[in-house]
Amino acid sequence: LGIGLAYLLWYRGVRYIGNTRTATY
C-alpha cells in the first residue's frame, strides 16, 4: 500500500488532473 498502491493512485491523479493539482494533496 505505502509504495505499490500509492504509486498507482499517484499516477492516475497525474493523468487526469496534472502534477501540480495532484501534488497539492
mmCIF file of all heavy atoms, coordinates in Angstrom:
data_MODEL
# 
_entry.id   MODEL 
# 
loop_
_atom_site.group_PDB 
_atom_site.id 
_atom_site.type_symbol 
_atom_site.label_atom_id 
_atom_site.label_alt_id 
_atom_site.label_comp_id 
_atom_site.label_asym_id 
_atom_site.label_entity_id 
_atom_site.label_seq_id 
_atom_site.pdbx_PDB_ins_code 
_atom_site.Cartn_x 
_atom_site.Cartn_y 
_atom_site.Cartn_z 
_atom_site.occupancy 
_atom_site.B_iso_or_equiv 
_atom_site.pdbx_formal_charge 
_atom_site.auth_seq_id 
_atom_site.auth_comp_id 
_atom_site.auth_asym_id 
_atom_site.auth_atom_id 
_atom_site.pdbx_PDB_model_num 
ATOM 1   N N   . LEU A 1 1  ? 0.819  -1.209 0.000   1.00 0.00 ? 1  LEU A N   1 
ATOM 2   C CA  . LEU A 1 1  ? 0.000  0.000  0.000   1.00 0.00 ? 1  LEU A CA  1 
ATOM 3   C C   . LEU A 1 1  ? 0.855  1.262  0.000   1.00 0.00 ? 1  LEU A C   1 
ATOM 4   O O   . LEU A 1 1  ? 0.665  2.154  -0.824  1.00 0.00 ? 1  LEU A O   1 
ATOM 5   C CB  . LEU A 1 1  ? -0.935 0.002  1.212   1.00 0.00 ? 1  LEU A CB  1 
ATOM 6   C CG  . LEU A 1 1  ? -1.920 -1.163 1.319   1.00 0.00 ? 1  LEU A CG  1 
ATOM 7   C CD1 . LEU A 1 1  ? -2.848 -0.976 2.510   1.00 0.00 ? 1  LEU A CD1 1 
ATOM 8   C CD2 . LEU A 1 1  ? -2.724 -1.332 0.041   1.00 0.00 ? 1  LEU A CD2 1 
ATOM 9   N N   . GLY A 1 2  ? 1.819  1.343  0.944   1.00 0.00 ? 2  GLY A N   1 
ATOM 10  C CA  . GLY A 1 2  ? 2.626  2.548  1.069   1.00 0.00 ? 2  GLY A CA  1 
ATOM 11  C C   . GLY A 1 2  ? 3.453  2.864  -0.160  1.00 0.00 ? 2  GLY A C   1 
ATOM 12  O O   . GLY A 1 2  ? 3.723  4.026  -0.461  1.00 0.00 ? 2  GLY A O   1 
ATOM 13  N N   . ILE A 1 3  ? 3.883  1.823  -0.876  1.00 0.00 ? 3  ILE A N   1 
ATOM 14  C CA  . ILE A 1 3  ? 4.639  2.044  -2.116  1.00 0.00 ? 3  ILE A CA  1 
ATOM 15  C C   . ILE A 1 3  ? 3.793  1.653  -3.326  1.00 0.00 ? 3  ILE A C   1 
ATOM 16  O O   . ILE A 1 3  ? 3.517  2.463  -4.192  1.00 0.00 ? 3  ILE A O   1 
ATOM 17  C CB  . ILE A 1 3  ? 5.956  1.252  -2.109  1.00 0.00 ? 3  ILE A CB  1 
ATOM 18  C CG1 . ILE A 1 3  ? 6.856  1.733  -0.979  1.00 0.00 ? 3  ILE A CG1 1 
ATOM 19  C CG2 . ILE A 1 3  ? 6.690  1.419  -3.445  1.00 0.00 ? 3  ILE A CG2 1 
ATOM 20  C CD1 . ILE A 1 3  ? 8.153  0.949  -0.844  1.00 0.00 ? 3  ILE A CD1 1 
ATOM 21  N N   . GLY A 1 4  ? 3.338  0.398  -3.387  1.00 0.00 ? 4  GLY A N   1 
ATOM 22  C CA  . GLY A 1 4  ? 2.683  -0.116 -4.582  1.00 0.00 ? 4  GLY A CA  1 
ATOM 23  C C   . GLY A 1 4  ? 1.390  0.583  -4.952  1.00 0.00 ? 4  GLY A C   1 
ATOM 24  O O   . GLY A 1 4  ? 1.278  1.193  -6.029  1.00 0.00 ? 4  GLY A O   1 
ATOM 25  N N   . LEU A 1 5  ? 0.366  0.521  -4.083  1.00 0.00 ? 5  LEU A N   1 
ATOM 26  C CA  . LEU A 1 5  ? -0.926 1.126  -4.420  1.00 0.00 ? 5  LEU A CA  1 
ATOM 27  C C   . LEU A 1 5  ? -0.827 2.637  -4.513  1.00 0.00 ? 5  LEU A C   1 
ATOM 28  O O   . LEU A 1 5  ? -1.405 3.266  -5.418  1.00 0.00 ? 5  LEU A O   1 
ATOM 29  C CB  . LEU A 1 5  ? -1.977 0.719  -3.381  1.00 0.00 ? 5  LEU A CB  1 
ATOM 30  C CG  . LEU A 1 5  ? -3.375 1.305  -3.598  1.00 0.00 ? 5  LEU A CG  1 
ATOM 31  C CD1 . LEU A 1 5  ? -3.923 0.903  -4.952  1.00 0.00 ? 5  LEU A CD1 1 
ATOM 32  C CD2 . LEU A 1 5  ? -4.322 0.868  -2.480  1.00 0.00 ? 5  LEU A CD2 1 
ATOM 33  N N   . ALA A 1 6  ? -0.086 3.269  -3.588  1.00 0.00 ? 6  ALA A N   1 
ATOM 34  C CA  . ALA A 1 6  ? 0.053  4.720  -3.625  1.00 0.00 ? 6  ALA A CA  1 
ATOM 35  C C   . ALA A 1 6  ? 0.708  5.170  -4.936  1.00 0.00 ? 6  ALA A C   1 
ATOM 36  O O   . ALA A 1 6  ? 0.341  6.212  -5.505  1.00 0.00 ? 6  ALA A O   1 
ATOM 37  C CB  . ALA A 1 6  ? 0.876  5.200  -2.430  1.00 0.00 ? 6  ALA A CB  1 
ATOM 38  N N   . TYR A 1 7  ? 1.661  4.406  -5.426  1.00 0.00 ? 7  TYR A N   1 
ATOM 39  C CA  . TYR A 1 7  ? 2.316  4.664  -6.716  1.00 0.00 ? 7  TYR A CA  1 
ATOM 40  C C   . TYR A 1 7  ? 1.278  4.745  -7.829  1.00 0.00 ? 7  TYR A C   1 
ATOM 41  O O   . TYR A 1 7  ? 1.260  5.662  -8.639  1.00 0.00 ? 7  TYR A O   1 
ATOM 42  C CB  . TYR A 1 7  ? 3.291  3.507  -6.938  1.00 0.00 ? 7  TYR A CB  1 
ATOM 43  C CG  . TYR A 1 7  ? 3.936  3.339  -8.281  1.00 0.00 ? 7  TYR A CG  1 
ATOM 44  C CD1 . TYR A 1 7  ? 5.242  3.738  -8.487  1.00 0.00 ? 7  TYR A CD1 1 
ATOM 45  C CD2 . TYR A 1 7  ? 3.276  2.698  -9.321  1.00 0.00 ? 7  TYR A CD2 1 
ATOM 46  C CE1 . TYR A 1 7  ? 5.862  3.529  -9.703  1.00 0.00 ? 7  TYR A CE1 1 
ATOM 47  C CE2 . TYR A 1 7  ? 3.885  2.488  -10.533 1.00 0.00 ? 7  TYR A CE2 1 
ATOM 48  C CZ  . TYR A 1 7  ? 5.181  2.907  -10.729 1.00 0.00 ? 7  TYR A CZ  1 
ATOM 49  O OH  . TYR A 1 7  ? 5.780  2.701  -11.935 1.00 0.00 ? 7  TYR A OH  1 
ATOM 50  N N   . LEU A 1 8  ? 0.359  3.787  -7.857  1.00 0.00 ? 8  LEU A N   1 
ATOM 51  C CA  . LEU A 1 8  ? -0.638 3.742  -8.915  1.00 0.00 ? 8  LEU A CA  1 
ATOM 52  C C   . LEU A 1 8  ? -1.664 4.856  -8.772  1.00 0.00 ? 8  LEU A C   1 
ATOM 53  O O   . LEU A 1 8  ? -2.086 5.457  -9.761  1.00 0.00 ? 8  LEU A O   1 
ATOM 54  C CB  . LEU A 1 8  ? -1.323 2.372  -8.907  1.00 0.00 ? 8  LEU A CB  1 
ATOM 55  C CG  . LEU A 1 8  ? -0.359 1.197  -9.125  1.00 0.00 ? 8  LEU A CG  1 
ATOM 56  C CD1 . LEU A 1 8  ? -1.082 -0.127 -8.901  1.00 0.00 ? 8  LEU A CD1 1 
ATOM 57  C CD2 . LEU A 1 8  ? 0.254  1.237  -10.515 1.00 0.00 ? 8  LEU A CD2 1 
ATOM 58  N N   . LEU A 1 9  ? -2.072 5.155  -7.556  1.00 0.00 ? 9  LEU A N   1 
ATOM 59  C CA  . LEU A 1 9  ? -3.019 6.244  -7.331  1.00 0.00 ? 9  LEU A CA  1 
ATOM 60  C C   . LEU A 1 9  ? -2.409 7.589  -7.717  1.00 0.00 ? 9  LEU A C   1 
ATOM 61  O O   . LEU A 1 9  ? -3.074 8.463  -8.272  1.00 0.00 ? 9  LEU A O   1 
ATOM 62  C CB  . LEU A 1 9  ? -3.452 6.271  -5.862  1.00 0.00 ? 9  LEU A CB  1 
ATOM 63  C CG  . LEU A 1 9  ? -4.316 5.098  -5.402  1.00 0.00 ? 9  LEU A CG  1 
ATOM 64  C CD1 . LEU A 1 9  ? -4.497 5.148  -3.888  1.00 0.00 ? 9  LEU A CD1 1 
ATOM 65  C CD2 . LEU A 1 9  ? -5.666 5.094  -6.100  1.00 0.00 ? 9  LEU A CD2 1 
ATOM 66  N N   . TRP A 1 10 ? -1.112 7.749  -7.407  1.00 0.00 ? 10 TRP A N   1 
ATOM 67  C CA  . TRP A 1 10 ? -0.419 8.992  -7.766  1.00 0.00 ? 10 TRP A CA  1 
ATOM 68  C C   . TRP A 1 10 ? -0.461 9.217  -9.272  1.00 0.00 ? 10 TRP A C   1 
ATOM 69  O O   . TRP A 1 10 ? -0.848 10.294 -9.745  1.00 0.00 ? 10 TRP A O   1 
ATOM 70  C CB  . TRP A 1 10 ? 1.027  8.942  -7.293  1.00 0.00 ? 10 TRP A CB  1 
ATOM 71  C CG  . TRP A 1 10 ? 1.825  10.126 -7.755  1.00 0.00 ? 10 TRP A CG  1 
ATOM 72  C CD1 . TRP A 1 10 ? 2.511  10.256 -8.927  1.00 0.00 ? 10 TRP A CD1 1 
ATOM 73  C CD2 . TRP A 1 10 ? 1.963  11.369 -7.077  1.00 0.00 ? 10 TRP A CD2 1 
ATOM 74  N NE1 . TRP A 1 10 ? 3.084  11.494 -9.009  1.00 0.00 ? 10 TRP A NE1 1 
ATOM 75  C CE2 . TRP A 1 10 ? 2.757  12.195 -7.894  1.00 0.00 ? 10 TRP A CE2 1 
ATOM 76  C CE3 . TRP A 1 10 ? 1.494  11.848 -5.858  1.00 0.00 ? 10 TRP A CE3 1 
ATOM 77  C CZ2 . TRP A 1 10 ? 3.096  13.487 -7.522  1.00 0.00 ? 10 TRP A CZ2 1 
ATOM 78  C CZ3 . TRP A 1 10 ? 1.840  13.144 -5.494  1.00 0.00 ? 10 TRP A CZ3 1 
ATOM 79  C CH2 . TRP A 1 10 ? 2.629  13.950 -6.314  1.00 0.00 ? 10 TRP A CH2 1 
ATOM 80  N N   . TYR A 1 11 ? -0.085 8.199  -10.052 1.00 0.00 ? 11 TYR A N   1 
ATOM 81  C CA  . TYR A 1 11 ? -0.029 8.386  -11.499 1.00 0.00 ? 11 TYR A CA  1 
ATOM 82  C C   . TYR A 1 11 ? -1.405 8.495  -12.129 1.00 0.00 ? 11 TYR A C   1 
ATOM 83  O O   . TYR A 1 11 ? -1.564 9.136  -13.172 1.00 0.00 ? 11 TYR A O   1 
ATOM 84  C CB  . TYR A 1 11 ? 0.813  7.287  -12.145 1.00 0.00 ? 11 TYR A CB  1 
ATOM 85  C CG  . TYR A 1 11 ? 2.281  7.621  -12.047 1.00 0.00 ? 11 TYR A CG  1 
ATOM 86  C CD1 . TYR A 1 11 ? 3.138  6.873  -11.273 1.00 0.00 ? 11 TYR A CD1 1 
ATOM 87  C CD2 . TYR A 1 11 ? 2.791  8.744  -12.681 1.00 0.00 ? 11 TYR A CD2 1 
ATOM 88  C CE1 . TYR A 1 11 ? 4.473  7.206  -11.137 1.00 0.00 ? 11 TYR A CE1 1 
ATOM 89  C CE2 . TYR A 1 11 ? 4.118  9.097  -12.561 1.00 0.00 ? 11 TYR A CE2 1 
ATOM 90  C CZ  . TYR A 1 11 ? 4.956  8.325  -11.796 1.00 0.00 ? 11 TYR A CZ  1 
ATOM 91  O OH  . TYR A 1 11 ? 6.275  8.670  -11.660 1.00 0.00 ? 11 TYR A OH  1 
ATOM 92  N N   . ARG A 1 12 ? -2.424 7.907  -11.537 1.00 0.00 ? 12 ARG A N   1 
ATOM 93  C CA  . ARG A 1 12 ? -3.776 8.131  -12.047 1.00 0.00 ? 12 ARG A CA  1 
ATOM 94  C C   . ARG A 1 12 ? -4.161 9.590  -11.829 1.00 0.00 ? 12 ARG A C   1 
ATOM 95  O O   . ARG A 1 12 ? -4.788 10.216 -12.692 1.00 0.00 ? 12 ARG A O   1 
ATOM 96  C CB  . ARG A 1 12 ? -4.789 7.215  -11.360 1.00 0.00 ? 12 ARG A CB  1 
ATOM 97  C CG  . ARG A 1 12 ? -6.179 7.317  -11.995 1.00 0.00 ? 12 ARG A CG  1 
ATOM 98  C CD  . ARG A 1 12 ? -7.149 6.319  -11.433 1.00 0.00 ? 12 ARG A CD  1 
ATOM 99  N NE  . ARG A 1 12 ? -7.527 6.637  -10.063 1.00 0.00 ? 12 ARG A NE  1 
ATOM 100 C CZ  . ARG A 1 12 ? -8.496 6.023  -9.394  1.00 0.00 ? 12 ARG A CZ  1 
ATOM 101 N NH1 . ARG A 1 12 ? -9.160 5.023  -9.973  1.00 0.00 ? 12 ARG A NH1 1 
ATOM 102 N NH2 . ARG A 1 12 ? -8.787 6.359  -8.160  1.00 0.00 ? 12 ARG A NH2 1 
ATOM 103 N N   . GLY A 1 13 ? -3.786 10.148 -10.668 1.00 0.00 ? 13 GLY A N   1 
ATOM 104 C CA  . GLY A 1 13 ? -4.052 11.557 -10.428 1.00 0.00 ? 13 GLY A CA  1 
ATOM 105 C C   . GLY A 1 13 ? -3.342 12.449 -11.428 1.00 0.00 ? 13 GLY A C   1 
ATOM 106 O O   . GLY A 1 13 ? -3.930 13.384 -11.984 1.00 0.00 ? 13 GLY A O   1 
ATOM 107 N N   . VAL A 1 14 ? -2.060 12.163 -11.693 1.00 0.00 ? 14 VAL A N   1 
ATOM 108 C CA  . VAL A 1 14 ? -1.301 12.955 -12.658 1.00 0.00 ? 14 VAL A CA  1 
ATOM 109 C C   . VAL A 1 14 ? -1.944 12.874 -14.037 1.00 0.00 ? 14 VAL A C   1 
ATOM 110 O O   . VAL A 1 14 ? -2.034 13.873 -14.765 1.00 0.00 ? 14 VAL A O   1 
ATOM 111 C CB  . VAL A 1 14 ? 0.165  12.467 -12.713 1.00 0.00 ? 14 VAL A CB  1 
ATOM 112 C CG1 . VAL A 1 14 ? 0.911  13.096 -13.881 1.00 0.00 ? 14 VAL A CG1 1 
ATOM 113 C CG2 . VAL A 1 14 ? 0.867  12.791 -11.396 1.00 0.00 ? 14 VAL A CG2 1 
ATOM 114 N N   . ARG A 1 15 ? -2.428 11.693 -14.404 1.00 0.00 ? 15 ARG A N   1 
ATOM 115 C CA  . ARG A 1 15 ? -3.037 11.504 -15.726 1.00 0.00 ? 15 ARG A CA  1 
ATOM 116 C C   . ARG A 1 15 ? -4.266 12.380 -15.913 1.00 0.00 ? 15 ARG A C   1 
ATOM 117 O O   . ARG A 1 15 ? -4.480 12.954 -16.974 1.00 0.00 ? 15 ARG A O   1 
ATOM 118 C CB  . ARG A 1 15 ? -3.419 10.031 -15.893 1.00 0.00 ? 15 ARG A CB  1 
ATOM 119 C CG  . ARG A 1 15 ? -4.170 9.732  -17.182 1.00 0.00 ? 15 ARG A CG  1 
ATOM 120 C CD  . ARG A 1 15 ? -4.619 8.286  -17.216 1.00 0.00 ? 15 ARG A CD  1 
ATOM 121 N NE  . ARG A 1 15 ? -5.387 7.997  -18.400 1.00 0.00 ? 15 ARG A NE  1 
ATOM 122 C CZ  . ARG A 1 15 ? -6.035 6.855  -18.609 1.00 0.00 ? 15 ARG A CZ  1 
ATOM 123 N NH1 . ARG A 1 15 ? -5.980 5.895  -17.693 1.00 0.00 ? 15 ARG A NH1 1 
ATOM 124 N NH2 . ARG A 1 15 ? -6.718 6.661  -19.717 1.00 0.00 ? 15 ARG A NH2 1 
ATOM 125 N N   . TYR A 1 16 ? -5.099 12.492 -14.880 1.00 0.00 ? 16 TYR A N   1 
ATOM 126 C CA  . TYR A 1 16 ? -6.366 13.196 -15.016 1.00 0.00 ? 16 TYR A CA  1 
ATOM 127 C C   . TYR A 1 16 ? -6.298 14.668 -14.645 1.00 0.00 ? 16 TYR A C   1 
ATOM 128 O O   . TYR A 1 16 ? -6.991 15.489 -15.247 1.00 0.00 ? 16 TYR A O   1 
ATOM 129 C CB  . TYR A 1 16 ? -7.449 12.520 -14.169 1.00 0.00 ? 16 TYR A CB  1 
ATOM 130 C CG  . TYR A 1 16 ? -7.994 11.255 -14.775 1.00 0.00 ? 16 TYR A CG  1 
ATOM 131 C CD1 . TYR A 1 16 ? -7.716 10.015 -14.200 1.00 0.00 ? 16 TYR A CD1 1 
ATOM 132 C CD2 . TYR A 1 16 ? -8.785 11.288 -15.922 1.00 0.00 ? 16 TYR A CD2 1 
ATOM 133 C CE1 . TYR A 1 16 ? -8.212 8.847  -14.757 1.00 0.00 ? 16 TYR A CE1 1 
ATOM 134 C CE2 . TYR A 1 16 ? -9.283 10.125 -16.489 1.00 0.00 ? 16 TYR A CE2 1 
ATOM 135 C CZ  . TYR A 1 16 ? -8.998 8.910  -15.895 1.00 0.00 ? 16 TYR A CZ  1 
ATOM 136 O OH  . TYR A 1 16 ? -9.487 7.756  -16.449 1.00 0.00 ? 16 TYR A OH  1 
ATOM 137 N N   . ILE A 1 17 ? -5.508 15.037 -13.641 1.00 0.00 ? 17 ILE A N   1 
ATOM 138 C CA  . ILE A 1 17 ? -5.537 16.427 -13.173 1.00 0.00 ? 17 ILE A CA  1 
ATOM 139 C C   . ILE A 1 17 ? -4.176 17.106 -13.171 1.00 0.00 ? 17 ILE A C   1 
ATOM 140 O O   . ILE A 1 17 ? -4.061 18.261 -12.774 1.00 0.00 ? 17 ILE A O   1 
ATOM 141 C CB  . ILE A 1 17 ? -6.164 16.525 -11.763 1.00 0.00 ? 17 ILE A CB  1 
ATOM 142 C CG1 . ILE A 1 17 ? -5.302 15.824 -10.714 1.00 0.00 ? 17 ILE A CG1 1 
ATOM 143 C CG2 . ILE A 1 17 ? -7.574 15.976 -11.755 1.00 0.00 ? 17 ILE A CG2 1 
ATOM 144 C CD1 . ILE A 1 17 ? -5.831 16.001 -9.283  1.00 0.00 ? 17 ILE A CD1 1 
ATOM 145 N N   . GLY A 1 18 ? -3.112 16.408 -13.617 1.00 0.00 ? 18 GLY A N   1 
ATOM 146 C CA  . GLY A 1 18 ? -1.797 17.019 -13.709 1.00 0.00 ? 18 GLY A CA  1 
ATOM 147 C C   . GLY A 1 18 ? -1.010 16.929 -12.412 1.00 0.00 ? 18 GLY A C   1 
ATOM 148 O O   . GLY A 1 18 ? -1.559 16.658 -11.343 1.00 0.00 ? 18 GLY A O   1 
ATOM 149 N N   . ASN A 1 19 ? 0.303  17.176 -12.524 1.00 0.00 ? 19 ASN A N   1 
ATOM 150 C CA  . ASN A 1 19 ? 1.204  17.034 -11.381 1.00 0.00 ? 19 ASN A CA  1 
ATOM 151 C C   . ASN A 1 19 ? 0.920  18.037 -10.273 1.00 0.00 ? 19 ASN A C   1 
ATOM 152 O O   . ASN A 1 19 ? 0.959  17.707 -9.089  1.00 0.00 ? 19 ASN A O   1 
ATOM 153 C CB  . ASN A 1 19 ? 2.651  17.192 -11.842 1.00 0.00 ? 19 ASN A CB  1 
ATOM 154 C CG  . ASN A 1 19 ? 3.333  15.864 -12.044 1.00 0.00 ? 19 ASN A CG  1 
ATOM 155 O OD1 . ASN A 1 19 ? 2.770  14.816 -11.773 1.00 0.00 ? 19 ASN A OD1 1 
ATOM 156 N ND2 . ASN A 1 19 ? 4.555  15.900 -12.546 1.00 0.00 ? 19 ASN A ND2 1 
ATOM 157 N N   . THR A 1 20 ? 0.678  19.312 -10.645 1.00 0.00 ? 20 THR A N   1 
ATOM 158 C CA  . THR A 1 20 ? 0.523  20.329 -9.614  1.00 0.00 ? 20 THR A CA  1 
ATOM 159 C C   . THR A 1 20 ? -0.708 20.068 -8.766  1.00 0.00 ? 20 THR A C   1 
ATOM 160 O O   . THR A 1 20 ? -0.658 20.119 -7.534  1.00 0.00 ? 20 THR A O   1 
ATOM 161 C CB  . THR A 1 20 ? 0.448  21.731 -10.242 1.00 0.00 ? 20 THR A CB  1 
ATOM 162 O OG1 . THR A 1 20 ? 1.694  22.034 -10.850 1.00 0.00 ? 20 THR A OG1 1 
ATOM 163 C CG2 . THR A 1 20 ? 0.154  22.789 -9.188  1.00 0.00 ? 20 THR A CG2 1 
ATOM 164 N N   . ARG A 1 21 ? -1.846 19.805 -9.410  1.00 0.00 ? 21 ARG A N   1 
ATOM 165 C CA  . ARG A 1 21 ? -3.060 19.546 -8.634  1.00 0.00 ? 21 ARG A CA  1 
ATOM 166 C C   . ARG A 1 21 ? -2.898 18.276 -7.802  1.00 0.00 ? 21 ARG A C   1 
ATOM 167 O O   . ARG A 1 21 ? -3.376 18.202 -6.665  1.00 0.00 ? 21 ARG A O   1 
ATOM 168 C CB  . ARG A 1 21 ? -4.264 19.428 -9.564  1.00 0.00 ? 21 ARG A CB  1 
ATOM 169 C CG  . ARG A 1 21 ? -4.667 20.739 -10.221 1.00 0.00 ? 21 ARG A CG  1 
ATOM 170 C CD  . ARG A 1 21 ? -5.981 20.595 -10.977 1.00 0.00 ? 21 ARG A CD  1 
ATOM 171 N NE  . ARG A 1 21 ? -6.409 21.861 -11.561 1.00 0.00 ? 21 ARG A NE  1 
ATOM 172 C CZ  . ARG A 1 21 ? -6.160 22.215 -12.819 1.00 0.00 ? 21 ARG A CZ  1 
ATOM 173 N NH1 . ARG A 1 21 ? -5.480 21.428 -13.610 1.00 0.00 ? 21 ARG A NH1 1 
ATOM 174 N NH2 . ARG A 1 21 ? -6.583 23.379 -13.275 1.00 0.00 ? 21 ARG A NH2 1 
ATOM 175 N N   . THR A 1 22 ? -2.248 17.272 -8.368  1.00 0.00 ? 22 THR A N   1 
ATOM 176 C CA  . THR A 1 22 ? -2.019 16.037 -7.606  1.00 0.00 ? 22 THR A CA  1 
ATOM 177 C C   . THR A 1 22 ? -1.108 16.316 -6.414  1.00 0.00 ? 22 THR A C   1 
ATOM 178 O O   . THR A 1 22 ? -1.336 15.834 -5.303  1.00 0.00 ? 22 THR A O   1 
ATOM 179 C CB  . THR A 1 22 ? -1.392 14.963 -8.505  1.00 0.00 ? 22 THR A CB  1 
ATOM 180 O OG1 . THR A 1 22 ? -2.280 14.686 -9.596  1.00 0.00 ? 22 THR A OG1 1 
ATOM 181 C CG2 . THR A 1 22 ? -1.145 13.677 -7.736  1.00 0.00 ? 22 THR A CG2 1 
ATOM 182 N N   . ALA A 1 23 ? -0.055 17.120 -6.642  1.00 0.00 ? 23 ALA A N   1 
ATOM 183 C CA  . ALA A 1 23 ? 0.922  17.396 -5.585  1.00 0.00 ? 23 ALA A CA  1 
ATOM 184 C C   . ALA A 1 23 ? 0.324  18.175 -4.428  1.00 0.00 ? 23 ALA A C   1 
ATOM 185 O O   . ALA A 1 23 ? 0.800  18.064 -3.292  1.00 0.00 ? 23 ALA A O   1 
ATOM 186 C CB  . ALA A 1 23 ? 2.119  18.157 -6.157  1.00 0.00 ? 23 ALA A CB  1 
ATOM 187 N N   . THR A 1 24 ? -0.737 18.964 -4.680  1.00 0.00 ? 24 THR A N   1 
ATOM 188 C CA  . THR A 1 24 ? -1.321 19.716 -3.581  1.00 0.00 ? 24 THR A CA  1 
ATOM 189 C C   . THR A 1 24 ? -1.880 18.790 -2.503  1.00 0.00 ? 24 THR A C   1 
ATOM 190 O O   . THR A 1 24 ? -1.933 19.169 -1.325  1.00 0.00 ? 24 THR A O   1 
ATOM 191 C CB  . THR A 1 24 ? -2.446 20.646 -4.078  1.00 0.00 ? 24 THR A CB  1 
ATOM 192 O OG1 . THR A 1 24 ? -3.444 19.866 -4.750  1.00 0.00 ? 24 THR A OG1 1 
ATOM 193 C CG2 . THR A 1 24 ? -1.903 21.702 -5.021  1.00 0.00 ? 24 THR A CG2 1 
ATOM 194 N N   . TYR A 1 25 ? -2.277 17.602 -2.889  1.00 0.00 ? 25 TYR A N   1 
ATOM 195 C CA  . TYR A 1 25 ? -2.750 16.639 -1.894  1.00 0.00 ? 25 TYR A CA  1 
ATOM 196 C C   . TYR A 1 25 ? -1.621 16.248 -0.938  1.00 0.00 ? 25 TYR A C   1 
ATOM 197 O O   . TYR A 1 25 ? -1.876 15.864 0.199   1.00 0.00 ? 25 TYR A O   1 
ATOM 198 C CB  . TYR A 1 25 ? -3.310 15.385 -2.572  1.00 0.00 ? 25 TYR A CB  1 
ATOM 199 C CG  . TYR A 1 25 ? -4.698 15.564 -3.143  1.00 0.00 ? 25 TYR A CG  1 
ATOM 200 C CD1 . TYR A 1 25 ? -4.882 16.057 -4.426  1.00 0.00 ? 25 TYR A CD1 1 
ATOM 201 C CD2 . TYR A 1 25 ? -5.825 15.230 -2.406  1.00 0.00 ? 25 TYR A CD2 1 
ATOM 202 C CE1 . TYR A 1 25 ? -6.152 16.221 -4.961  1.00 0.00 ? 25 TYR A CE1 1 
ATOM 203 C CE2 . TYR A 1 25 ? -7.101 15.395 -2.922  1.00 0.00 ? 25 TYR A CE2 1 
ATOM 204 C CZ  . TYR A 1 25 ? -7.258 15.890 -4.200  1.00 0.00 ? 25 TYR A CZ  1 
ATOM 205 O OH  . TYR A 1 25 ? -8.519 16.056 -4.710  1.00 0.00 ? 25 TYR A OH  1 
# 
